[in-house]
């Protein structure tokens, strides 16, 4: 028998007991299913055996790490199900692409059409696998053995990925005879994945899963056509460049093709900005370009580049930051924790904004405010504007797509743009890169450079930032007249050099350590490259420095 500490209380268990067996003794005390444990300050899968002197606590599906384990395990079950039922119509390629709302889009390249019947067959097989409670087993293989295993299985994307792996060991998972690789922790058996549905969508499948807020509920899939088209366009562009995965990107770096890749993708973005400017000029009557998007999307650089393109169409753009319409600090609403809520619409003086914009639209001269972030008050410094026939306001802020912000302005006077860093690159075909990870790394690097903020502080703030995005930005995506994807396929290889030292500064005993460790592990997949060859108007320059714009 050995002693361990469970939630601070000493308990005695037989040697060889797993964390899962311990968790079963405590499940009744938790509202949601236990997914993982924290043992001696480290995340551990439930399938592992306890050790003498362990101090453990539990993580459920309601916590981020537990929810991620649920998503990975559900994805692997789906891949096995497809492998089992699509024998006669075996796809040439299956790729977990991106999230659409709470669903995950899986693209399928096949000679056979993906239909509702395909989705039903896959979902039925998934439920059989779940009901069988098959162990999700992990093996730590020498890298060369893992490469040989996946080469035999025809998973060339994993072979390419492991070619650049510095470690000598690879953790490989299997469900019965199906083997796959997932970066991150997994659940102990298939029976843990109780909530899911599958449906056909746009030539592929949608895997609907619960979110961590309500881990026992599956929301109805709501298509977001504009978002989907933008993501699909980025994915198709990457495929044309021969870059679907991190392994592909690393190969191009090794082959000396990075400079060409940078120039081509920057040109691609500039072309898209030019298309948006052309659409604005052709519409006629547009006086307010409203730009909104989540944190670290590159809104500032985009607004400057769009303004340059608008000038080529004979328009005279004037930038306005919605932040200048913040209410005075003492009038700022508070969140549930008693902290200032700068993300909500109530943090802006909506009445003043509409008053000023309506006067400008009527041809009157208006003195615009400037918000002093040090004093927490609006100031007037003689910034007067009057709109002529060719003048146009480029307004940037998180509420730009919400018509409640600009309720007094005619719809025909507004052109709304949604911008986000919609990462299309995958680690491999079954391991997607969440767009939030790319934005978090962008913000971490920028805040350290411009505000002296630590990586610890950025990680601390991120959940609050994400809640604000979910409430104030994402619901209005589809109302945009145009979408712009600010992600650059090479950028994580550049950000790596700046982010790693910041993440290593977080100590193991700090609450943010687990997230820092996860991001460091993720960055290990990339070959790092210098930022010296980036154009000075690149959106990445907004974060790493060296931009020609005041960002």
Protein backbone atom coordinates (compact mmCIF):
# COMPACT_ATOMS: atom_id res chain seq x y z
CA UNK A 1 0.00 0.00 0.00
CA UNK A 2 1.13 3.56 -0.67
CA UNK A 3 -0.04 6.96 0.55
CA UNK A 4 -1.08 9.82 -1.73
CA UNK A 5 -2.66 13.19 -1.10
CA UNK A 6 -6.03 13.80 -2.75
CA UNK A 7 -7.24 17.40 -2.61
CA UNK A 8 -4.99 17.87 0.41
CA UNK A 9 -6.17 14.75 2.33
CA UNK A 10 -3.91 11.69 2.74
CA UNK A 11 -5.37 8.47 1.31
CA UNK A 12 -4.07 4.91 1.08
CA UNK A 13 -4.22 2.90 -2.15
CA UNK A 14 -2.76 -0.33 -3.47
CA UNK A 15 0.40 -0.02 -5.51
CA UNK A 16 -0.47 -0.17 -9.22
CA UNK A 17 -3.73 1.78 -8.78
CA UNK A 18 -4.38 4.18 -11.66
CA UNK A 19 -5.42 7.80 -11.38
CA UNK A 20 -8.66 6.76 -13.06
CA UNK A 21 -9.48 4.39 -10.20
CA UNK A 22 -8.81 7.16 -7.69
CA UNK A 23 -10.96 9.56 -9.72
CA UNK A 24 -13.88 7.12 -9.61
CA UNK A 25 -13.88 7.41 -5.81
CA UNK A 26 -14.29 11.19 -6.08
CA UNK A 27 -16.47 11.59 -9.19
CA UNK A 28 -19.60 12.06 -7.04
CA UNK A 29 -18.11 15.28 -5.68
CA UNK A 30 -17.85 16.88 -9.14
CA UNK A 31 -20.58 18.24 -11.36
CA UNK A 32 -18.74 17.27 -14.56
CA UNK A 33 -16.80 14.20 -15.63
CA UNK A 34 -13.20 14.01 -14.39
CA UNK A 35 -10.87 13.99 -17.38
CA UNK A 36 -7.34 14.35 -15.97
CA UNK A 37 -5.40 14.89 -12.78
CA UNK A 38 -2.76 17.34 -11.65
CA UNK A 39 -0.13 15.28 -9.83
CA UNK A 40 2.67 17.13 -8.05
CA UNK A 41 1.97 20.18 -10.17
CA UNK A 42 2.03 18.28 -13.49
CA UNK A 43 -0.83 17.23 -15.77
CA UNK A 44 -1.28 13.48 -15.92
CA UNK A 45 -3.54 11.20 -17.93
CA UNK A 46 -5.96 9.05 -15.93
CA UNK A 47 -4.50 5.86 -17.36
CA UNK A 48 -1.20 6.34 -15.51
CA UNK A 49 -0.44 4.65 -12.20
CA UNK A 50 -0.19 6.64 -8.98
CA UNK A 51 3.14 7.11 -7.25
CA UNK A 52 3.96 7.10 -3.56
CA UNK A 53 3.70 10.59 -2.11
CA UNK A 54 1.69 11.97 -5.03
CA UNK A 55 -0.34 15.09 -4.33
CA UNK A 56 -3.23 15.14 -6.78
CA UNK A 57 -6.27 17.19 -7.73
CA UNK A 58 -8.74 16.70 -10.56
CA UNK A 59 -9.60 18.43 -13.83
CA UNK A 60 -13.02 17.97 -15.44
CA UNK A 61 -14.40 18.62 -18.91
CA UNK A 62 -15.26 22.10 -17.61
CA UNK A 63 -11.56 23.05 -17.43
CA UNK A 64 -9.61 23.95 -20.54
CA UNK A 65 -7.13 21.04 -20.33
CA UNK A 66 -9.91 18.53 -19.73
CA UNK A 67 -11.97 19.86 -22.62
CA UNK A 68 -8.99 19.71 -24.97
CA UNK A 69 -8.45 16.05 -23.99
CA UNK A 70 -12.12 15.39 -24.80
CA UNK A 71 -11.79 17.00 -28.25
CA UNK A 72 -8.60 15.05 -29.08
CA UNK A 73 -10.08 11.74 -28.00
CA UNK A 74 -13.34 12.37 -29.87
CA UNK A 75 -11.29 13.22 -32.98
CA UNK A 76 -9.32 9.97 -32.73
CA UNK A 77 -12.54 7.97 -32.30
CA UNK A 78 -13.91 9.64 -35.43
CA UNK A 79 -10.74 8.84 -37.39
CA UNK A 80 -10.98 5.18 -36.36
CA UNK A 81 -14.69 5.08 -37.23
CA UNK A 82 -13.98 6.47 -40.69
CA UNK A 83 -11.17 3.97 -41.11
CA UNK A 84 -13.59 1.17 -40.17
CA UNK A 85 -16.63 2.10 -42.27
CA UNK A 86 -15.06 3.69 -45.35
CA UNK A 87 -13.21 0.58 -46.47
CA UNK A 88 -14.61 0.37 -50.00
CA UNK A 89 -14.61 4.17 -50.45
CA UNK A 90 -11.37 4.88 -48.59
CA UNK A 91 -10.58 8.62 -48.83
CA UNK A 92 -7.33 9.81 -50.33
CA UNK A 93 -7.01 12.37 -47.53
CA UNK A 94 -8.82 13.27 -44.30
CA UNK A 95 -7.90 16.51 -42.57
CA UNK A 96 -9.23 18.15 -39.42
CA UNK A 97 -9.42 21.68 -40.74
CA UNK A 98 -10.91 24.33 -38.46
CA UNK A 99 -13.66 25.17 -36.00
CA UNK A 100 -16.97 26.57 -37.21
CA UNK A 101 -18.78 27.68 -34.09
CA UNK A 102 -18.71 24.63 -31.80
CA UNK A 103 -18.28 22.19 -34.68
CA UNK A 104 -15.04 20.96 -36.26
CA UNK A 105 -14.87 20.70 -40.04
CA UNK A 106 -13.17 17.61 -41.43
CA UNK A 107 -12.36 17.80 -45.14
CA UNK A 108 -12.38 14.60 -47.16
CA UNK A 109 -10.69 14.10 -50.51
CA UNK A 110 -12.36 11.08 -52.10
CA UNK A 111 -13.64 9.74 -55.38
CA UNK A 112 -16.95 9.22 -53.63
CA UNK A 113 -19.35 11.95 -52.54
CA UNK A 114 -19.65 12.59 -48.81
CA UNK A 115 -23.37 12.43 -48.04
CA UNK A 116 -25.75 12.45 -45.10
CA UNK A 117 -25.59 8.66 -45.27
CA UNK A 118 -21.79 8.85 -44.87
CA UNK A 119 -22.26 10.96 -41.74
CA UNK A 120 -24.79 8.50 -40.31
CA UNK A 121 -22.46 5.54 -40.89
CA UNK A 122 -19.55 7.32 -39.23
CA UNK A 123 -21.62 8.46 -36.25
CA UNK A 124 -23.10 4.97 -35.78
CA UNK A 125 -19.63 3.41 -35.75
CA UNK A 126 -18.38 6.08 -33.33
CA UNK A 127 -21.19 5.21 -30.91
CA UNK A 128 -20.29 1.53 -31.13
CA UNK A 129 -16.68 2.36 -30.30
CA UNK A 130 -17.76 4.56 -27.37
CA UNK A 131 -20.13 1.92 -25.98
CA UNK A 132 -17.34 -0.67 -26.13
CA UNK A 133 -15.17 1.34 -23.70
CA UNK A 134 -12.01 0.49 -25.63
CA UNK A 135 -8.79 1.61 -23.88
CA UNK A 136 -6.92 4.50 -25.49
CA UNK A 137 -3.44 3.12 -25.12
CA UNK A 138 -0.21 5.10 -25.26
CA UNK A 139 3.17 3.77 -26.34
CA UNK A 140 6.42 5.71 -26.20
CA UNK A 141 8.28 4.64 -29.33
CA UNK A 142 11.74 5.52 -30.61
CA UNK A 143 11.33 8.18 -33.28
CA UNK A 144 12.52 5.89 -36.09
CA UNK A 145 10.02 3.21 -35.05
CA UNK A 146 7.19 5.77 -35.03
CA UNK A 147 8.21 6.99 -38.48
CA UNK A 148 8.21 3.40 -39.78
CA UNK A 149 4.79 2.74 -38.19
CA UNK A 150 3.16 5.76 -39.82
CA UNK A 151 4.93 5.25 -43.13
CA UNK A 152 3.40 1.78 -43.27
CA UNK A 153 -0.02 3.26 -42.44
CA UNK A 154 0.34 5.78 -45.30
CA UNK A 155 0.38 8.80 -42.97
CA UNK A 156 3.05 10.78 -44.82
CA UNK A 157 2.18 13.97 -42.92
CA UNK A 158 3.34 12.42 -39.64
CA UNK A 159 6.48 11.01 -41.23
CA UNK A 160 7.36 14.52 -42.42
CA UNK A 161 6.54 16.03 -39.02
CA UNK A 162 8.76 13.62 -37.08
CA UNK A 163 11.65 14.22 -39.45
CA UNK A 164 12.17 17.55 -37.67
CA UNK A 165 11.50 16.27 -34.16
CA UNK A 166 14.42 16.91 -31.81
CA UNK A 167 13.36 14.38 -29.19
CA UNK A 168 14.14 10.72 -29.67
CA UNK A 169 10.77 9.44 -28.35
CA UNK A 170 7.28 9.81 -29.83
CA UNK A 171 4.07 9.09 -27.90
CA UNK A 172 1.76 7.06 -30.15
CA UNK A 173 -1.85 6.25 -29.26
CA UNK A 174 -3.96 3.33 -30.42
CA UNK A 175 -7.58 2.24 -30.19
CA UNK A 176 -7.48 -1.47 -30.96
CA UNK A 177 -5.60 -1.75 -34.26
CA UNK A 178 -5.90 1.93 -35.20
CA UNK A 179 -2.75 4.00 -34.47
CA UNK A 180 -2.49 7.78 -34.55
CA UNK A 181 -0.52 10.69 -33.07
CA UNK A 182 -1.98 13.54 -31.03
CA UNK A 183 -0.08 16.29 -29.29
CA UNK A 184 -1.54 16.71 -25.84
CA UNK A 185 -3.28 14.53 -23.30
CA UNK A 186 -5.95 11.91 -24.01
CA UNK A 187 -8.80 10.29 -22.07
CA UNK A 188 -8.28 6.72 -20.81
CA UNK A 189 -10.93 4.95 -22.88
CA UNK A 190 -13.49 5.61 -25.58
CA UNK A 191 -16.39 5.49 -23.12
CA UNK A 192 -15.44 8.93 -21.85
CA UNK A 193 -16.68 10.56 -25.08
CA UNK A 194 -20.45 10.52 -24.57
CA UNK A 195 -21.57 13.68 -26.33
CA UNK A 196 -21.12 14.25 -30.05
CA UNK A 197 -22.90 14.23 -33.40
CA UNK A 198 -21.75 14.05 -37.01
CA UNK A 199 -23.27 15.67 -40.10
CA UNK A 200 -22.30 16.22 -43.71
CA UNK A 201 -21.28 19.75 -44.69
CA UNK A 202 -19.64 21.23 -47.79
CA UNK A 203 -18.08 18.01 -49.07
CA UNK A 204 -16.82 16.97 -45.65
CA UNK A 205 -18.09 16.24 -42.16
CA UNK A 206 -18.79 18.36 -39.10
CA UNK A 207 -17.97 16.82 -35.73
CA UNK A 208 -20.20 18.61 -33.22
CA UNK A 209 -18.87 18.60 -29.66
CA UNK A 210 -19.82 20.40 -26.43
CA UNK A 211 -17.84 23.41 -25.28
CA UNK A 212 -16.25 23.60 -21.85
CA UNK A 213 -18.98 25.90 -20.51
CA UNK A 214 -21.65 23.23 -20.99
CA UNK A 215 -19.70 19.98 -21.43
CA UNK A 216 -22.79 17.75 -21.46
CA UNK A 217 -24.70 19.65 -24.16
CA UNK A 218 -24.30 19.60 -27.93
CA UNK A 219 -25.51 22.74 -29.65
CA UNK A 220 -27.15 22.58 -33.05
CA UNK A 221 -24.60 23.31 -35.76
CA UNK A 222 -25.10 26.80 -37.19
CA UNK A 223 -23.36 27.31 -40.56
CA UNK A 224 -21.29 30.46 -40.91
CA UNK A 225 -20.93 30.69 -44.65
CA UNK A 226 -18.71 33.78 -44.89
CA UNK A 227 -16.33 32.48 -42.23
CA UNK A 228 -16.24 29.06 -43.87
CA UNK A 229 -15.44 30.51 -47.30
CA UNK A 230 -12.61 32.59 -45.85
CA UNK A 231 -11.11 29.62 -44.01
CA UNK A 232 -11.49 27.37 -47.03
CA UNK A 233 -9.82 29.96 -49.25
CA UNK A 234 -6.81 30.12 -46.90
CA UNK A 235 -6.61 26.34 -46.84
CA UNK A 236 -6.75 26.09 -50.62
CA UNK A 237 -4.04 28.73 -50.95
CA UNK A 238 -1.81 26.76 -48.57
CA UNK A 239 -2.39 23.60 -50.59
CA UNK A 240 -1.42 25.38 -53.81
CA UNK A 241 1.81 26.44 -52.13
CA UNK A 242 2.35 22.85 -51.00
CA UNK A 243 1.97 23.76 -47.32
CA UNK A 244 -0.80 21.97 -45.43
CA UNK A 245 1.13 21.09 -42.30
CA UNK A 246 4.05 22.21 -40.15
CA UNK A 247 6.16 19.46 -41.74
CA UNK A 248 5.53 21.02 -45.17
CA UNK A 249 6.55 24.45 -43.87
CA UNK A 250 9.71 23.07 -42.28
CA UNK A 251 10.65 21.38 -45.56
CA UNK A 252 10.31 24.65 -47.48
CA UNK A 253 12.44 26.44 -44.89
CA UNK A 254 15.13 23.76 -45.25
CA UNK A 255 14.98 24.04 -49.03
CA UNK A 256 15.63 27.80 -48.90
CA UNK A 257 12.16 28.75 -50.16
CA UNK A 258 11.12 30.91 -47.21
CA UNK A 259 11.76 34.30 -48.83
CA UNK A 260 9.64 33.44 -51.85
CA UNK A 261 6.92 32.15 -49.54
CA UNK A 262 6.93 35.40 -47.56
CA UNK A 263 6.74 37.57 -50.68
CA UNK A 264 3.96 35.51 -52.26
CA UNK A 265 1.78 35.44 -49.16
CA UNK A 266 2.30 39.16 -48.48
CA UNK A 267 1.29 39.82 -52.10
CA UNK A 268 -1.76 37.61 -51.63
CA UNK A 269 -2.85 39.67 -48.62
CA UNK A 270 -2.20 42.95 -50.43
CA UNK A 271 -4.34 41.77 -53.32
CA UNK A 272 -7.18 40.98 -50.94
CA UNK A 273 -6.89 44.40 -49.28
CA UNK A 274 -7.03 45.97 -52.73
CA UNK A 275 -10.18 43.97 -53.55
CA UNK A 276 -11.88 45.23 -50.39
CA UNK A 277 -10.90 48.84 -51.18
CA UNK A 278 -12.27 48.44 -54.72
CA UNK A 279 -15.56 47.09 -53.35
CA UNK A 280 -15.87 50.06 -50.99
CA UNK A 281 -15.22 52.58 -53.76
CA UNK A 282 -17.62 50.86 -56.17
CA UNK A 283 -20.48 50.72 -53.69
CA UNK A 284 -20.76 54.51 -53.41
CA UNK A 285 -22.13 56.41 -50.46
CA UNK A 286 -19.84 54.70 -47.95
CA UNK A 287 -18.60 57.12 -45.32
CA UNK A 288 -17.80 54.76 -42.45
CA UNK A 289 -15.58 51.71 -42.81
CA UNK A 290 -16.12 49.71 -39.62
CA UNK A 291 -13.29 47.26 -38.84
CA UNK A 292 -13.70 44.72 -36.04
CA UNK A 293 -12.02 41.52 -34.99
CA UNK A 294 -10.66 39.68 -31.98
CA UNK A 295 -7.51 40.58 -30.09
CA UNK A 296 -4.21 40.51 -32.00
CA UNK A 297 -5.82 40.20 -35.40
CA UNK A 298 -3.64 42.97 -36.82
CA UNK A 299 -6.47 45.51 -37.06
CA UNK A 300 -4.16 48.53 -36.83
CA UNK A 301 -1.82 47.49 -39.63
CA UNK A 302 -4.77 46.39 -41.74
CA UNK A 303 -6.49 49.76 -41.33
CA UNK A 304 -3.33 51.57 -42.48
CA UNK A 305 -2.88 49.30 -45.49
CA UNK A 306 -6.55 49.59 -46.40
CA UNK A 307 -6.28 53.38 -46.15
CA UNK A 308 -3.41 53.34 -48.66
CA UNK A 309 -5.47 51.24 -51.06
CA UNK A 310 -8.47 53.55 -50.63
CA UNK A 311 -6.26 56.46 -51.68
CA UNK A 312 -5.54 54.70 -54.97
CA UNK A 313 -9.29 54.93 -55.63
CA UNK A 314 -9.35 58.68 -55.08
CA UNK A 315 -10.72 58.52 -51.53
CA UNK A 316 -9.26 60.33 -48.52
CA UNK A 317 -9.37 58.06 -45.46
CA UNK A 318 -9.26 59.29 -41.85
CA UNK A 319 -8.55 56.75 -39.09
CA UNK A 320 -10.63 56.76 -35.91
CA UNK A 321 -10.05 54.42 -32.96
CA UNK A 322 -13.16 53.47 -31.03
CA UNK A 323 -10.97 53.38 -27.92
CA UNK A 324 -11.08 57.17 -27.97
CA UNK A 325 -14.78 56.90 -27.12
CA UNK A 326 -14.23 55.00 -23.88
CA UNK A 327 -16.30 56.36 -21.03
CA UNK A 328 -14.28 57.91 -18.22
CA UNK A 329 -12.67 55.28 -16.01
CA UNK A 330 -15.01 55.82 -13.07
CA UNK A 331 -18.01 55.17 -15.35
CA UNK A 332 -16.62 51.92 -16.79
CA UNK A 333 -18.86 48.89 -16.08
CA UNK A 334 -17.49 46.14 -13.83
CA UNK A 335 -17.41 42.42 -14.61
CA UNK A 336 -18.47 39.59 -12.29
CA UNK A 337 -15.09 39.78 -10.52
CA UNK A 338 -15.37 43.49 -9.83
CA UNK A 339 -12.76 44.40 -12.47
CA UNK A 340 -13.24 47.02 -15.16
CA UNK A 341 -14.93 45.49 -18.19
CA UNK A 342 -13.34 47.28 -21.12
CA UNK A 343 -14.69 44.71 -23.59
CA UNK A 344 -18.42 45.38 -23.26
CA UNK A 345 -20.35 47.92 -25.32
CA UNK A 346 -21.15 49.86 -22.15
CA UNK A 347 -17.46 50.76 -21.86
CA UNK A 348 -17.96 53.09 -24.84
CA UNK A 349 -19.89 56.35 -24.91
CA UNK A 350 -22.25 55.18 -27.63
CA UNK A 351 -24.38 58.32 -27.51
CA UNK A 352 -21.39 60.61 -28.03
CA UNK A 353 -20.08 58.44 -30.87
CA UNK A 354 -23.42 58.59 -32.70
CA UNK A 355 -23.72 62.33 -32.06
CA UNK A 356 -20.29 63.02 -33.56
CA UNK A 357 -20.67 60.64 -36.52
CA UNK A 358 -24.12 61.99 -37.41
CA UNK A 359 -22.79 65.55 -37.46
CA UNK A 360 -19.88 64.49 -39.68
CA UNK A 361 -22.28 62.72 -42.04
CA UNK A 362 -24.30 65.94 -42.22
CA UNK A 363 -21.19 67.82 -43.36
CA UNK A 364 -20.50 69.64 -40.10
CA UNK A 365 -17.13 70.09 -38.43
CA UNK A 366 -16.62 68.05 -35.26
CA UNK A 367 -13.85 68.02 -32.66
CA UNK A 368 -13.08 64.37 -31.90
CA UNK A 369 -11.94 63.13 -28.49
CA UNK A 370 -8.70 61.39 -27.53
CA UNK A 371 -8.72 58.97 -24.61
CA UNK A 372 -5.88 59.37 -22.12
CA UNK A 373 -5.19 55.85 -20.85
CA UNK A 374 -2.97 57.14 -18.04
CA UNK A 375 -5.61 59.41 -16.50
CA UNK A 376 -8.58 57.31 -17.64
CA UNK A 377 -10.39 60.30 -19.12
CA UNK A 378 -11.32 61.65 -22.54
CA UNK A 379 -9.54 64.79 -23.67
CA UNK A 380 -10.00 67.26 -26.51
CA UNK A 381 -6.85 68.41 -28.27
CA UNK A 382 -8.16 70.23 -31.31
CA UNK A 383 -8.57 67.13 -33.50
CA UNK A 384 -11.25 68.59 -35.78
CA UNK A 385 -12.70 66.86 -38.83
CA UNK A 386 -15.13 67.74 -41.56
CA UNK A 387 -16.00 65.27 -44.30
CA UNK A 388 -15.74 66.34 -47.91
CA UNK A 389 -17.12 64.39 -50.91
CA UNK A 390 -14.11 62.04 -51.07
CA UNK A 391 -13.47 61.74 -47.32
CA UNK A 392 -14.12 58.44 -45.56
CA UNK A 393 -13.66 57.42 -41.93
CA UNK A 394 -11.82 54.17 -41.15
CA UNK A 395 -13.09 53.17 -37.72
CA UNK A 396 -11.36 50.36 -35.83
CA UNK A 397 -12.60 48.68 -32.65
CA UNK A 398 -14.06 45.46 -31.32
CA UNK A 399 -17.71 46.63 -31.57
CA UNK A 400 -17.51 47.86 -35.14
CA UNK A 401 -19.87 45.17 -36.50
CA UNK A 402 -22.52 45.71 -33.82
CA UNK A 403 -25.27 47.98 -35.17
CA UNK A 404 -26.07 49.05 -31.61
CA UNK A 405 -22.80 50.98 -31.70
CA UNK A 406 -23.75 52.95 -34.82
CA UNK A 407 -27.54 52.86 -34.51
CA UNK A 408 -28.04 56.40 -35.87
CA UNK A 409 -26.03 55.90 -39.07
CA UNK A 410 -27.77 54.73 -42.26
CA UNK A 411 -26.77 51.20 -43.26
CA UNK A 412 -25.78 52.35 -46.75
CA UNK A 413 -23.19 54.68 -45.22
CA UNK A 414 -21.41 51.77 -43.48
CA UNK A 415 -19.10 49.10 -44.85
CA UNK A 416 -18.27 46.45 -42.23
CA UNK A 417 -15.10 44.34 -42.26
CA UNK A 418 -14.36 41.36 -40.05
CA UNK A 419 -10.66 40.61 -39.57
CA UNK A 420 -9.07 37.71 -37.72
CA UNK A 421 -5.95 35.55 -37.84
CA UNK A 422 -7.63 32.42 -39.19
CA UNK A 423 -4.79 29.92 -39.12
CA UNK A 424 -5.05 27.33 -41.90
CA UNK A 425 -1.84 25.49 -41.07
CA UNK A 426 -2.09 22.15 -39.21
CA UNK A 427 0.51 20.37 -37.09
CA UNK A 428 -0.44 17.31 -39.14
CA UNK A 429 -3.65 16.20 -40.82
CA UNK A 430 -5.33 15.21 -37.54
CA UNK A 431 -3.92 17.93 -35.26
CA UNK A 432 -5.27 21.38 -36.05
CA UNK A 433 -3.76 24.62 -34.78
CA UNK A 434 -6.45 26.67 -32.99
CA UNK A 435 -6.58 30.24 -34.27
CA UNK A 436 -6.60 31.38 -30.64
CA UNK A 437 -3.09 29.95 -30.12
CA UNK A 438 -1.68 32.05 -32.94
CA UNK A 439 -3.34 35.18 -31.61
CA UNK A 440 -2.20 34.50 -28.04
CA UNK A 441 1.42 34.21 -29.20
CA UNK A 442 1.06 37.39 -31.26
CA UNK A 443 -0.27 39.30 -28.27
CA UNK A 444 2.37 37.89 -25.93
CA UNK A 445 5.19 39.05 -28.20
CA UNK A 446 3.65 42.47 -28.86
CA UNK A 447 2.76 43.21 -25.23
CA UNK A 448 6.26 42.30 -24.06
CA UNK A 449 7.78 44.61 -26.68
CA UNK A 450 5.43 47.60 -26.41
CA UNK A 451 4.05 47.46 -22.87
CA UNK A 452 6.68 45.54 -20.94
CA UNK A 453 4.08 42.92 -20.03
CA UNK A 454 5.24 39.45 -19.05
CA UNK A 455 4.03 36.26 -20.72
CA UNK A 456 2.53 35.37 -17.35
CA UNK A 457 0.36 38.51 -17.40
CA UNK A 458 -0.77 37.90 -20.99
CA UNK A 459 -1.79 34.32 -20.17
CA UNK A 460 -3.60 35.56 -17.04
CA UNK A 461 -5.64 38.04 -19.06
CA UNK A 462 -6.39 35.76 -22.00
CA UNK A 463 -9.53 34.03 -20.62
CA UNK A 464 -11.11 37.43 -19.99
CA UNK A 465 -10.14 38.59 -23.48
CA UNK A 466 -11.65 35.44 -24.98
CA UNK A 467 -14.92 35.91 -23.06
CA UNK A 468 -15.17 39.44 -24.44
CA UNK A 469 -14.65 38.14 -27.98
CA UNK A 470 -17.32 35.46 -27.57
CA UNK A 471 -19.82 38.02 -26.32
CA UNK A 472 -19.03 41.09 -28.42
CA UNK A 473 -17.38 40.05 -31.70
CA UNK A 474 -18.09 36.52 -32.89
CA UNK A 475 -21.91 36.85 -32.83
CA UNK A 476 -21.65 39.62 -35.45
CA UNK A 477 -19.18 37.93 -37.85
CA UNK A 478 -21.67 37.05 -40.54
CA UNK A 479 -23.03 40.61 -40.73
CA UNK A 480 -19.72 41.79 -42.22
CA UNK A 481 -19.57 42.95 -45.83
CA UNK A 482 -16.05 41.57 -46.18
CA UNK A 483 -13.76 39.15 -44.36
CA UNK A 484 -10.00 39.50 -44.12
CA UNK A 485 -7.73 36.73 -42.89
CA UNK A 486 -4.62 38.26 -41.35
CA UNK A 487 -2.85 34.96 -40.61
CA UNK A 488 0.38 34.33 -42.51
CA UNK A 489 1.36 30.74 -43.07
CA UNK A 490 4.96 31.32 -42.03
CA UNK A 491 4.36 33.55 -39.00
CA UNK A 492 4.62 30.97 -36.19
CA UNK A 493 8.15 30.11 -37.33
CA UNK A 494 8.97 33.82 -36.86
CA UNK A 495 7.08 34.31 -33.58
CA UNK A 496 8.84 31.26 -32.11
CA UNK A 497 12.10 33.19 -31.62
CA UNK A 498 10.36 35.93 -29.66
CA UNK A 499 7.85 33.84 -27.70
CA UNK A 500 10.05 31.05 -26.35
CA UNK A 501 12.20 33.20 -24.00
CA UNK A 502 9.04 34.84 -22.64
CA UNK A 503 7.41 31.47 -21.96
CA UNK A 504 10.51 30.01 -20.35
CA UNK A 505 10.41 32.83 -17.80
CA UNK A 506 7.29 31.33 -16.19
CA UNK A 507 8.22 29.21 -13.17
CA UNK A 508 6.84 25.70 -12.51
CA UNK A 509 5.09 26.81 -9.31
CA UNK A 510 3.08 29.54 -11.10
CA UNK A 511 -0.52 28.86 -12.22
CA UNK A 512 0.32 29.89 -15.80
CA UNK A 513 3.09 27.30 -16.10
CA UNK A 514 0.88 24.58 -17.63
CA UNK A 515 -0.24 26.85 -20.45
CA UNK A 516 3.32 28.05 -21.02
CA UNK A 517 4.55 24.47 -21.18
CA UNK A 518 1.81 23.57 -23.68
CA UNK A 519 2.76 26.47 -25.94
CA UNK A 520 6.47 25.63 -25.70
CA UNK A 521 5.74 22.05 -26.71
CA UNK A 522 3.67 23.33 -29.62
CA UNK A 523 6.46 25.66 -30.81
CA UNK A 524 8.93 22.75 -30.81
CA UNK A 525 7.32 21.54 -34.05
CA UNK A 526 8.51 24.63 -35.93
CA UNK A 527 11.91 25.47 -37.30
CA UNK A 528 12.57 29.03 -36.18
CA UNK A 529 13.39 31.73 -38.72
CA UNK A 530 14.56 35.32 -38.49
CA UNK A 531 12.22 38.28 -39.00
CA UNK A 532 14.82 40.19 -41.05
CA UNK A 533 13.23 39.39 -44.40
CA UNK A 534 9.72 40.51 -43.47
CA UNK A 535 8.43 43.55 -45.36
CA UNK A 536 8.09 46.56 -43.08
CA UNK A 537 4.36 46.80 -43.79
CA UNK A 538 3.71 43.15 -42.88
CA UNK A 539 1.01 42.48 -40.33
CA UNK A 540 3.55 40.36 -38.40
CA UNK A 541 5.61 43.55 -37.92
CA UNK A 542 2.82 44.86 -35.68
CA UNK A 543 3.86 42.20 -33.18
CA UNK A 544 7.60 41.63 -33.63
CA UNK A 545 8.50 45.28 -34.36
CA UNK A 546 9.97 47.13 -37.30
CA UNK A 547 6.68 48.28 -38.86
CA UNK A 548 6.56 51.37 -41.03
CA UNK A 549 3.18 52.17 -39.44
CA UNK A 550 2.60 53.67 -35.97
CA UNK A 551 1.45 50.44 -34.34
